[in-house]
Amino acid sequence: MKKEGHYLGAHSDQHLLYCDWTKRDSLLVTHEQFTTDLKANYKRMAQLGITKTDAPYFLPPYEWYNTKIAEWTKELGLQLVNFSPGTRSTADYTWPEMGLRYRSSDEIYRSIIDYETKNPQGLNGYILLLHIGTDPRRTDKFHLQLDKLLKELKSRGYTFFKINELLN
């Protein structure tokens, strides 16, 4: 995907939940756990030729964070970002045994296209999150449909930018 020109960035190594779902200001990780996990994520990305300079944006796991996580991210020289909700692109981590929470790649693709059609602004300015590293039980990898999705959206007049181009 990197060779195809896509931005690949940090999203945690172990996909830790940083703060409580009901008490967002309550941390579930220490500073050391956060830092160790994020450094491990960058170490894995380095094996693919992606450096911290190449990938200065960090999207927290579960897209759930608080002020302290934002501060720690900044301390590491990274900029925290989040995806645009509504398209269900993030459901690409699910696998069939999850039951009703599972979304197939075809369902995710259709959800993105349906959202684009129904939303008056379409997907202009949207940031989609796709997981290239997902549970092995998910054999239906959505990122393999990315080319199809981009072609469809280009046919609808969209131009694409990597997040580092969009935010700089």
Protein backbone atom coordinates (compact mmCIF):
# COMPACT_ATOMS: atom_id res chain seq x y z
CA MET A 1 0.00 0.00 0.00
CA LYS A 2 2.86 2.37 0.70
CA LYS A 3 4.25 1.72 -2.79
CA GLU A 4 0.83 2.66 -4.18
CA GLY A 5 1.16 6.06 -2.49
CA HIS A 6 -1.19 5.56 0.47
CA TYR A 7 -0.48 7.08 3.87
CA LEU A 8 0.13 4.44 6.53
CA GLY A 9 0.24 5.73 10.07
CA ALA A 10 0.29 4.78 13.72
CA HIS A 11 -2.85 3.43 15.37
CA SER A 12 -1.28 1.58 18.36
CA ASP A 13 0.52 -1.73 18.39
CA GLN A 14 -1.81 -3.66 20.70
CA HIS A 15 -4.95 -1.54 20.07
CA LEU A 16 -5.20 -0.52 23.73
CA LEU A 17 -8.25 1.20 25.15
CA TYR A 18 -6.80 4.37 26.69
CA CYS A 19 -9.74 5.70 28.67
CA ASP A 20 -13.00 4.48 30.15
CA TRP A 21 -16.04 4.46 27.85
CA THR A 22 -18.22 6.06 30.53
CA LYS A 23 -15.64 8.26 32.29
CA ARG A 24 -13.53 9.59 29.47
CA ASP A 25 -11.23 11.51 31.81
CA SER A 26 -10.24 8.24 33.56
CA LEU A 27 -7.12 6.67 32.06
CA LEU A 28 -6.82 2.90 31.65
CA VAL A 29 -3.12 3.04 30.71
CA THR A 30 -0.03 4.60 32.23
CA HIS A 31 2.25 7.02 30.42
CA GLU A 32 4.80 4.20 30.13
CA GLN A 33 2.26 1.75 28.66
CA PHE A 34 1.11 4.35 26.15
CA THR A 35 4.66 5.24 25.10
CA THR A 36 5.84 1.62 24.93
CA ASP A 37 2.86 0.60 22.79
CA LEU A 38 3.23 3.51 20.38
CA LYS A 39 6.98 2.97 20.03
CA ALA A 40 6.29 -0.71 19.27
CA ASN A 41 3.85 0.38 16.56
CA TYR A 42 6.52 2.58 14.95
CA LYS A 43 9.06 -0.23 15.24
CA ARG A 44 6.74 -2.50 13.24
CA MET A 45 6.14 0.24 10.69
CA ALA A 46 9.91 0.74 10.36
CA GLN A 47 10.11 -2.87 9.16
CA LEU A 48 7.97 -1.69 6.22
CA GLY A 49 10.14 1.36 5.62
CA ILE A 50 7.82 3.83 7.39
CA THR A 51 9.52 6.23 9.78
CA LYS A 52 8.07 8.60 12.35
CA THR A 53 8.92 11.42 9.93
CA ASP A 54 6.88 9.67 7.23
CA ALA A 55 3.97 9.13 9.61
CA PRO A 56 3.66 12.05 12.06
CA TYR A 57 -0.08 11.59 12.59
CA PHE A 58 -1.50 9.30 15.24
CA LEU A 59 -5.08 8.05 15.27
CA PRO A 60 -5.83 6.49 18.68
CA PRO A 61 -7.25 2.97 18.88
CA TYR A 62 -11.03 2.81 19.11
CA GLU A 63 -10.82 6.49 18.12
CA TRP A 64 -11.32 7.14 21.83
CA TYR A 65 -8.97 9.35 23.81
CA ASN A 66 -8.86 12.25 26.26
CA THR A 67 -6.79 15.36 26.95
CA LYS A 68 -4.00 13.41 28.64
CA ILE A 69 -3.59 11.12 25.60
CA ALA A 70 -3.48 14.20 23.38
CA GLU A 71 -0.75 15.67 25.61
CA TRP A 72 1.30 12.45 25.59
CA THR A 73 0.95 12.25 21.80
CA LYS A 74 2.29 15.78 21.47
CA GLU A 75 5.20 14.98 23.83
CA LEU A 76 6.23 12.26 21.37
CA GLY A 77 6.28 14.80 18.55
CA LEU A 78 3.12 13.48 16.91
CA GLN A 79 -0.14 15.10 15.94
CA LEU A 80 -3.34 13.39 17.06
CA VAL A 81 -6.04 13.06 14.39
CA ASN A 82 -9.36 11.27 14.13
CA PHE A 83 -11.41 9.80 11.31
CA SER A 84 -14.71 11.21 10.02
CA PRO A 85 -17.61 9.18 11.44
CA GLY A 86 -20.60 7.82 9.58
CA THR A 87 -19.20 5.59 6.85
CA ARG A 88 -18.50 2.45 8.92
CA SER A 89 -15.05 2.15 7.33
CA THR A 90 -13.68 1.37 10.78
CA ALA A 91 -15.71 -1.88 10.99
CA ASP A 92 -13.02 -3.56 8.91
CA TYR A 93 -11.47 -4.96 12.10
CA THR A 94 -14.47 -7.23 12.78
CA TRP A 95 -14.63 -10.95 12.02
CA PRO A 96 -17.59 -13.34 11.49
CA GLU A 97 -17.54 -14.84 14.99
CA MET A 98 -18.39 -11.40 16.40
CA GLY A 99 -21.97 -12.03 15.32
CA LEU A 100 -24.09 -8.94 14.73
CA ARG A 101 -21.10 -6.59 15.08
CA TYR A 102 -19.38 -8.17 12.06
CA ARG A 103 -19.44 -6.22 8.81
CA SER A 104 -18.24 -7.87 5.61
CA SER A 105 -16.09 -5.91 3.20
CA ASP A 106 -19.04 -5.71 0.81
CA GLU A 107 -21.20 -4.22 3.59
CA ILE A 108 -18.51 -1.68 4.45
CA TYR A 109 -18.04 -0.73 0.80
CA ARG A 110 -21.81 -0.30 0.35
CA SER A 111 -22.04 1.71 3.58
CA ILE A 112 -19.40 4.18 2.35
CA ILE A 113 -21.08 4.55 -1.05
CA ASP A 114 -24.54 4.90 0.55
CA TYR A 115 -23.23 7.52 2.97
CA GLU A 116 -21.66 9.47 0.11
CA THR A 117 -24.95 9.38 -1.81
CA LYS A 118 -27.18 10.44 1.11
CA ASN A 119 -24.93 13.09 2.67
CA PRO A 120 -25.49 16.52 1.04
CA GLN A 121 -21.72 17.24 1.25
CA GLY A 122 -20.84 13.74 0.11
CA LEU A 123 -17.44 12.73 1.44
CA ASN A 124 -15.69 16.06 0.85
CA GLY A 125 -12.99 16.49 3.49
CA TYR A 126 -13.63 13.07 4.99
CA ILE A 127 -10.88 11.04 6.59
CA LEU A 128 -11.47 7.30 6.25
CA LEU A 129 -9.76 4.87 8.60
CA LEU A 130 -8.88 1.43 7.24
CA HIS A 131 -7.01 -1.22 9.21
CA ILE A 132 -4.38 -3.11 7.24
CA GLY A 133 -3.47 -5.21 10.26
CA THR A 134 -6.57 -6.98 11.53
CA ASP A 135 -7.40 -10.17 13.35
CA PRO A 136 -6.44 -13.29 11.36
CA ARG A 137 -10.04 -14.49 11.74
CA ARG A 138 -11.03 -11.76 9.32
CA THR A 139 -10.10 -13.26 5.99
CA ASP A 140 -12.24 -10.71 4.11
CA LYS A 141 -9.77 -7.80 4.26
CA PHE A 142 -11.46 -4.52 3.34
CA HIS A 143 -8.22 -2.80 2.37
CA LEU A 144 -8.15 -5.17 -0.62
CA GLN A 145 -11.23 -3.30 -1.91
CA LEU A 146 -9.59 0.10 -1.57
CA ASP A 147 -8.70 0.30 -5.27
CA LYS A 148 -12.32 -0.46 -6.23
CA LEU A 149 -13.58 2.18 -3.77
CA LEU A 150 -11.18 4.84 -5.02
CA LYS A 151 -12.12 4.16 -8.65
CA GLU A 152 -15.82 4.48 -7.82
CA LEU A 153 -15.34 7.71 -5.89
CA LYS A 154 -13.08 9.16 -8.61
CA SER A 155 -15.87 8.43 -11.12
CA ARG A 156 -18.08 10.61 -8.88
CA GLY A 157 -15.62 13.50 -9.16
CA TYR A 158 -13.53 13.09 -6.02
CA THR A 159 -9.84 13.94 -5.77
CA PHE A 160 -7.82 12.29 -3.02
CA PHE A 161 -5.13 13.56 -0.71
CA LYS A 162 -3.08 11.73 1.86
CA ILE A 163 -3.66 13.04 5.36
CA ASN A 164 -0.18 14.57 5.50
CA GLU A 165 -1.02 16.58 2.37
CA LEU A 166 -4.46 17.53 3.66
CA LEU A 167 -3.26 18.79 7.04
CA ASN A 168 -0.04 20.53 5.98
